[in-house]
Each structure stands twice: as C-alpha cells, then as structure tokens.
Protein backbone atom coordinates (compact mmCIF):
# COMPACT_ATOMS: atom_id res chain seq x y z
CA MET A 1 21.67 125.31 111.98
CA TRP A 2 23.66 124.45 108.87
CA LYS A 3 23.23 126.09 105.48
CA LYS A 4 25.01 125.35 102.21
CA LEU A 5 25.06 127.75 99.24
CA ASP A 6 26.60 126.82 95.88
CA GLY A 7 28.10 123.73 97.45
CA ILE A 8 29.80 125.62 100.28
CA TRP A 9 28.79 125.49 103.93
CA VAL A 10 28.04 129.13 104.84
CA LEU A 11 26.53 128.39 108.27
CA LYS A 12 28.22 125.64 110.27
CA GLY A 13 26.30 124.61 113.35
CA VAL A 14 25.06 128.07 114.31
CA SER A 15 22.87 128.01 117.42
CA LEU A 16 21.41 131.11 119.02
CA SER A 17 18.28 132.54 120.58
CA ALA A 18 17.20 136.18 120.54
CA PRO A 19 15.53 137.50 123.71
CA GLU A 20 12.37 139.57 123.68
CA SER A 21 12.48 143.21 124.76
CA ALA A 22 16.09 143.39 123.62
CA VAL A 23 18.29 144.30 120.68
CA THR A 24 20.52 141.48 119.46
CA VAL A 25 23.40 142.63 117.27
CA ILE A 26 25.10 140.18 114.90
CA LEU A 27 28.68 141.12 114.09
CA GLY A 28 31.23 139.61 111.76
CA PRO A 29 33.51 140.36 108.80
CA ASN A 30 32.30 140.23 105.20
CA GLY A 31 31.55 136.63 104.29
CA ALA A 32 31.01 135.54 107.90
CA GLY A 33 27.42 134.51 107.09
CA LYS A 34 25.40 137.36 108.61
CA THR A 35 22.98 137.85 105.71
CA THR A 36 22.62 134.11 105.19
CA LEU A 37 21.82 133.75 108.88
CA LEU A 38 19.08 136.38 108.73
CA ARG A 39 17.56 134.82 105.61
CA SER A 40 17.63 131.42 107.30
CA LEU A 41 16.04 132.85 110.44
CA ALA A 42 13.32 134.36 108.24
CA GLY A 43 12.64 131.10 106.45
CA ILE A 44 13.66 132.51 103.08
CA TYR A 45 16.48 129.97 103.02
CA ARG A 46 15.61 126.45 104.12
CA VAL A 47 18.37 125.20 106.40
CA ASP A 48 20.06 121.96 105.46
CA LYS A 49 20.38 120.77 109.04
CA GLY A 50 18.69 121.92 112.22
CA ARG A 51 15.49 123.82 113.00
CA VAL A 52 14.52 127.47 113.25
CA LEU A 53 11.52 128.41 115.40
CA ALA A 54 9.74 131.64 116.28
CA TYR A 55 7.30 131.47 119.16
CA GLY A 56 7.20 127.69 118.84
CA MET A 57 6.34 127.61 115.13
CA ASP A 58 8.43 127.23 112.02
CA VAL A 59 9.63 130.57 110.73
CA ALA A 60 7.89 130.31 107.35
CA SER A 61 4.56 130.11 109.18
CA ALA A 62 5.61 132.91 111.54
CA ARG A 63 6.47 135.12 108.57
CA ARG A 64 3.14 134.40 106.86
CA ARG A 65 1.30 135.34 110.07
CA GLY A 66 3.20 138.60 110.42
CA ILE A 67 4.95 137.51 113.61
CA LEU A 68 8.36 137.81 111.97
CA ILE A 69 9.64 140.11 109.24
CA LEU A 70 12.94 140.48 107.40
CA SER A 71 14.00 143.90 106.16
CA PRO A 72 16.89 143.25 103.74
CA ASP A 73 19.71 145.70 103.08
CA GLU A 74 18.34 146.37 99.57
CA ALA A 75 14.53 146.43 99.76
CA GLY A 76 12.49 147.58 96.79
CA LEU A 77 10.45 150.76 97.04
CA TYR A 78 7.93 152.19 94.60
CA PRO A 79 9.26 155.46 93.13
CA ARG A 80 5.79 156.85 92.36
CA LEU A 81 4.42 156.29 95.87
CA THR A 82 4.94 158.69 98.75
CA GLY A 83 6.41 157.72 102.09
CA TRP A 84 2.97 157.71 103.70
CA GLU A 85 1.58 155.55 100.92
CA HIS A 86 4.32 152.99 101.55
CA VAL A 87 3.42 152.86 105.23
CA ARG A 88 -0.31 152.53 104.50
CA LEU A 89 0.50 149.65 102.14
CA VAL A 90 2.34 147.86 104.95
CA GLU A 91 -0.60 148.49 107.29
CA ARG A 92 -3.02 146.93 104.81
CA ILE A 93 -0.80 143.91 104.20
CA TYR A 94 -0.25 143.17 107.89
CA GLY A 95 -3.59 144.43 109.20
CA CYS A 96 -1.84 146.60 111.75
CA SER A 97 -1.90 150.23 112.87
CA TRP A 98 1.33 150.95 114.72
CA ASP A 99 1.03 153.39 117.62
CA GLY A 100 4.67 154.39 117.36
CA LEU A 101 4.49 155.63 113.77
CA GLU A 102 4.41 159.38 114.40
CA GLU A 103 7.23 159.16 116.95
CA ALA A 104 9.31 157.11 114.52
CA VAL A 105 8.86 159.64 111.72
CA GLU A 106 9.92 162.42 114.09
CA LEU A 107 12.96 160.57 115.44
CA LEU A 108 14.17 159.81 111.91
CA GLY A 109 13.55 163.33 110.67
CA LEU A 110 11.29 162.30 107.79
CA GLY A 111 8.26 164.43 108.61
CA ARG A 112 8.77 166.98 105.85
CA VAL A 113 9.23 164.38 103.08
CA MET A 114 6.70 161.66 103.94
CA GLY A 115 4.21 163.26 101.58
CA GLU A 116 6.68 163.29 98.68
CA ARG A 117 7.28 160.56 96.11
CA VAL A 118 10.12 158.21 96.97
CA SER A 119 11.78 159.00 93.62
CA ARG A 120 12.86 162.28 95.26
CA TYR A 121 14.38 160.60 98.32
CA SER A 122 18.09 160.37 98.97
CA ARG A 123 19.61 156.97 99.80
CA GLY A 124 19.54 157.80 103.50
CA MET A 125 15.87 158.77 103.35
CA ARG A 126 15.06 155.49 101.63
CA ARG A 127 16.86 153.52 104.33
CA LYS A 128 14.91 155.33 107.03
CA LEU A 129 11.62 154.69 105.25
CA GLN A 130 12.50 150.99 104.96
CA LEU A 131 13.08 150.88 108.70
CA ILE A 132 9.75 152.56 109.43
CA MET A 133 7.97 150.13 107.11
CA ALA A 134 9.49 147.14 108.95
CA LEU A 135 8.46 148.54 112.31
CA ALA A 136 4.98 149.41 111.03
CA SER A 137 4.35 145.73 110.34
CA CYS A 138 4.00 145.28 114.14
CA ALA A 139 6.00 142.02 113.82
CA ARG A 140 7.15 140.62 117.15
CA VAL A 141 10.51 139.56 115.66
CA LEU A 142 12.38 142.07 113.49
CA LEU A 143 15.29 140.89 111.34
CA LEU A 144 17.10 143.97 110.08
CA ASP A 145 20.05 143.58 107.71
CA GLU A 146 22.35 146.62 107.96
CA PRO A 147 19.34 148.91 108.60
CA LEU A 148 21.42 151.95 109.53
CA SER A 149 24.07 151.90 106.80
CA GLY A 150 24.49 155.16 104.95
CA LEU A 151 22.84 157.33 107.62
CA ASP A 152 24.40 160.54 108.92
CA ILE A 153 25.32 160.82 112.59
CA VAL A 154 22.14 162.67 113.58
CA SER A 155 19.97 160.08 111.86
CA LEU A 156 21.99 157.28 113.46
CA ARG A 157 21.28 158.67 116.91
CA GLY A 158 17.56 158.88 116.17
CA ALA A 159 17.42 155.41 114.62
CA SER A 160 19.35 153.89 117.51
CA ARG A 161 16.98 155.45 120.01
CA LEU A 162 14.00 154.23 117.98
CA LEU A 163 15.19 150.61 117.97
CA ARG A 164 15.79 150.71 121.71
CA ILE A 165 12.26 152.09 122.26
CA VAL A 166 10.72 149.39 120.06
CA ALA A 167 12.55 146.66 121.98
CA GLU A 168 12.07 147.97 125.52
CA ARG A 169 8.64 149.59 125.31
CA GLU A 170 6.94 147.22 122.88
CA GLY A 171 8.69 144.02 123.95
CA ARG A 172 9.84 143.06 120.48
CA ALA A 173 12.90 140.98 119.62
CA VAL A 174 15.08 143.17 117.40
CA ILE A 175 17.91 141.42 115.52
CA VAL A 176 20.32 143.70 113.66
CA THR A 177 23.45 143.14 111.58
CA THR A 178 26.12 145.83 111.40
CA HIS A 179 29.84 146.31 110.80
CA GLU A 180 30.05 149.34 113.08
CA LEU A 181 31.40 148.44 116.53
CA TRP A 182 30.49 151.77 118.10
CA LEU A 183 26.93 151.39 116.83
CA ALA A 184 26.74 147.81 118.07
CA GLU A 185 27.92 148.93 121.49
CA ARG A 186 25.31 151.66 121.56
CA LEU A 187 22.49 149.36 120.47
CA ALA A 188 23.15 145.90 121.79
CA ASP A 189 21.75 144.10 124.78
CA TYR A 190 22.97 140.81 123.32
CA ILE A 191 25.92 140.20 120.98
CA VAL A 192 26.51 137.38 118.49
CA VAL A 193 29.87 137.31 116.71
CA LEU A 194 30.05 135.20 113.53
CA GLU A 195 33.32 134.11 112.01
CA SER A 196 33.56 131.77 109.00
CA GLY A 197 29.98 130.61 109.50
CA ARG A 198 30.32 129.74 113.18
CA VAL A 199 29.41 131.55 116.39
CA ALA A 200 32.73 132.77 117.78
CA ALA A 201 31.17 134.49 120.79
CA GLU A 202 27.74 135.37 122.13
CA GLY A 203 26.02 136.66 125.23
CA PRO A 204 24.75 139.79 126.97
CA LEU A 205 27.10 142.64 126.14
CA GLU A 206 27.66 143.70 129.76
CA ARG A 207 28.52 140.15 130.81
CA LEU A 208 30.94 139.61 127.94
CA LEU A 209 32.82 142.82 128.70
CA ARG A 210 32.92 142.08 132.43
CA GLU A 211 34.18 138.51 132.05
CA ALA A 212 36.92 139.59 129.64
CA GLY A 213 37.87 142.63 131.69
CA ALA A 214 37.30 144.75 128.60
CA SER A 215 36.17 148.37 128.60
CA SER A 216 34.78 148.32 125.04
CA LEU A 217 33.43 145.92 122.46
CA GLU A 218 36.50 146.46 120.29
CA GLU A 219 38.79 145.52 123.16
CA TYR A 220 36.67 142.44 123.89
CA LEU A 221 36.85 141.23 120.27
CA VAL A 222 40.60 141.75 120.04
CA ARG A 223 41.19 139.89 123.30
CA THR A 224 38.83 136.97 122.88
CA VAL A 225 37.82 136.47 119.24
CA TYR A 226 40.61 137.75 117.04
CA GLY A 227 43.44 137.05 119.42
CA GLY A 228 45.14 140.40 118.93
CA GLY A 229 45.13 140.04 115.15
CA ASN A 230 43.80 142.38 112.51
CA GLY A 231 40.42 140.74 112.04
CA GLU A 232 37.64 143.04 110.95
CA ALA A 233 34.37 143.05 112.84
C-alpha cells in the first residue's frame, strides 16, 4: 500500500499480512510510518495505491461490523464515567459480552478503581482502561498503537500476558506498535520493521533470529536492518 500525507509519501509500497492467533509487532523509528500504517489498516486513511482487506472485505466495512478496531495512542475517555461504565458502553456499541473481562481487569490491576470516575485515574490507569475497552469490543483484528506506553514494569508484565492470552486462546490477530525492543521480543510472534515508509524486514521472530544467527532482536536489527549504525528502533 502507498499513502501520501501533505504531499509526502509516508507509506511506500508496504505489503504485509497479520496471522491469526498471533501478536504482530510493528517496529520503527519516529517518522517511519507506524501510526499511518495502523490508520490505513483500519480504513481511517484511504490508501492512495493498493488494497487493504480484513477477512476478505474492505477494512472500512470490517470496522463498521466490529471485526476490526483501532485503539489509538491518545483515545478520548469520559471523565465523569467510571471504568465499568466505559466498558459497558463498548459492550452496547459492539453488541458483545467479552468472557475475558474479569481476567483482564485482574491482570492489569484495575479492580479497585473500575468503579471510580476516570477523572481520578492516572495516565497509566487510563492506558490500561483503553486496552480493556479495545479487547472488550471482541474484534477479531486489534490494531493497538503504543498500547503499553507509560506503564510500570508490573503493569507491563500483566498487559503482555493479557495480549498473548487474547491472541493464543481467542484466536485474534493482535497488531501492536512499540519502540521498546525488549517488549517487542517478549510479545511478538511476528515482526515487521518499518524504515522510511518501507518494510525493511518482516517474518516470524524465531525464524528471523535463527537465519541471522542473532540471540536477540536488538542484535538482529543491528546486523540486518541498520547495518551496525546507530538507528533507533
């Protein structure tokens, strides 16, 4: 797919597919096109060239049917509503009652505050609530833009485990952007590396490491994508 913003090509021939029952992590430096890619995959941006499909249908239709959802890095919440009221709102919109809700609240450590108004939440609590709301939509394809930024280490462990459960147990396709290599390595079944709007590398994480003879994702990127330079992932 190709996408131009303000006269500049942000995505340049990007082609990828995200497997079900797996977590796909999209890596890349600032300006690589990660957010534009997610918005294009969600049908919020109409691509200038190419096609984007979800389960054989155009993504705008998939989003309207609740098959696909985008959770942006800055999603609006209602300060006067409680955490539970936000979740119930999602359930009404998508006509879904998610079986994993209670487990998700426990893993993210939100149980004691779900009955409180969001105006009292810290930034980290808001991010965790946003993640729960996306999962509670029951969408088969989850597009999550930096969903774990700003979380403490304990919350990161719980959120990482939650995303793996959602992918493996529920068979969903989870697509996540992040800058954190250690987090990507912990989460990813499949890796996509963007650089200057193009796919610089992609594939199952284990295969990429094995073929490059690398012991870590950082080593793989230095050897194969950034050529030993100081590129940021």
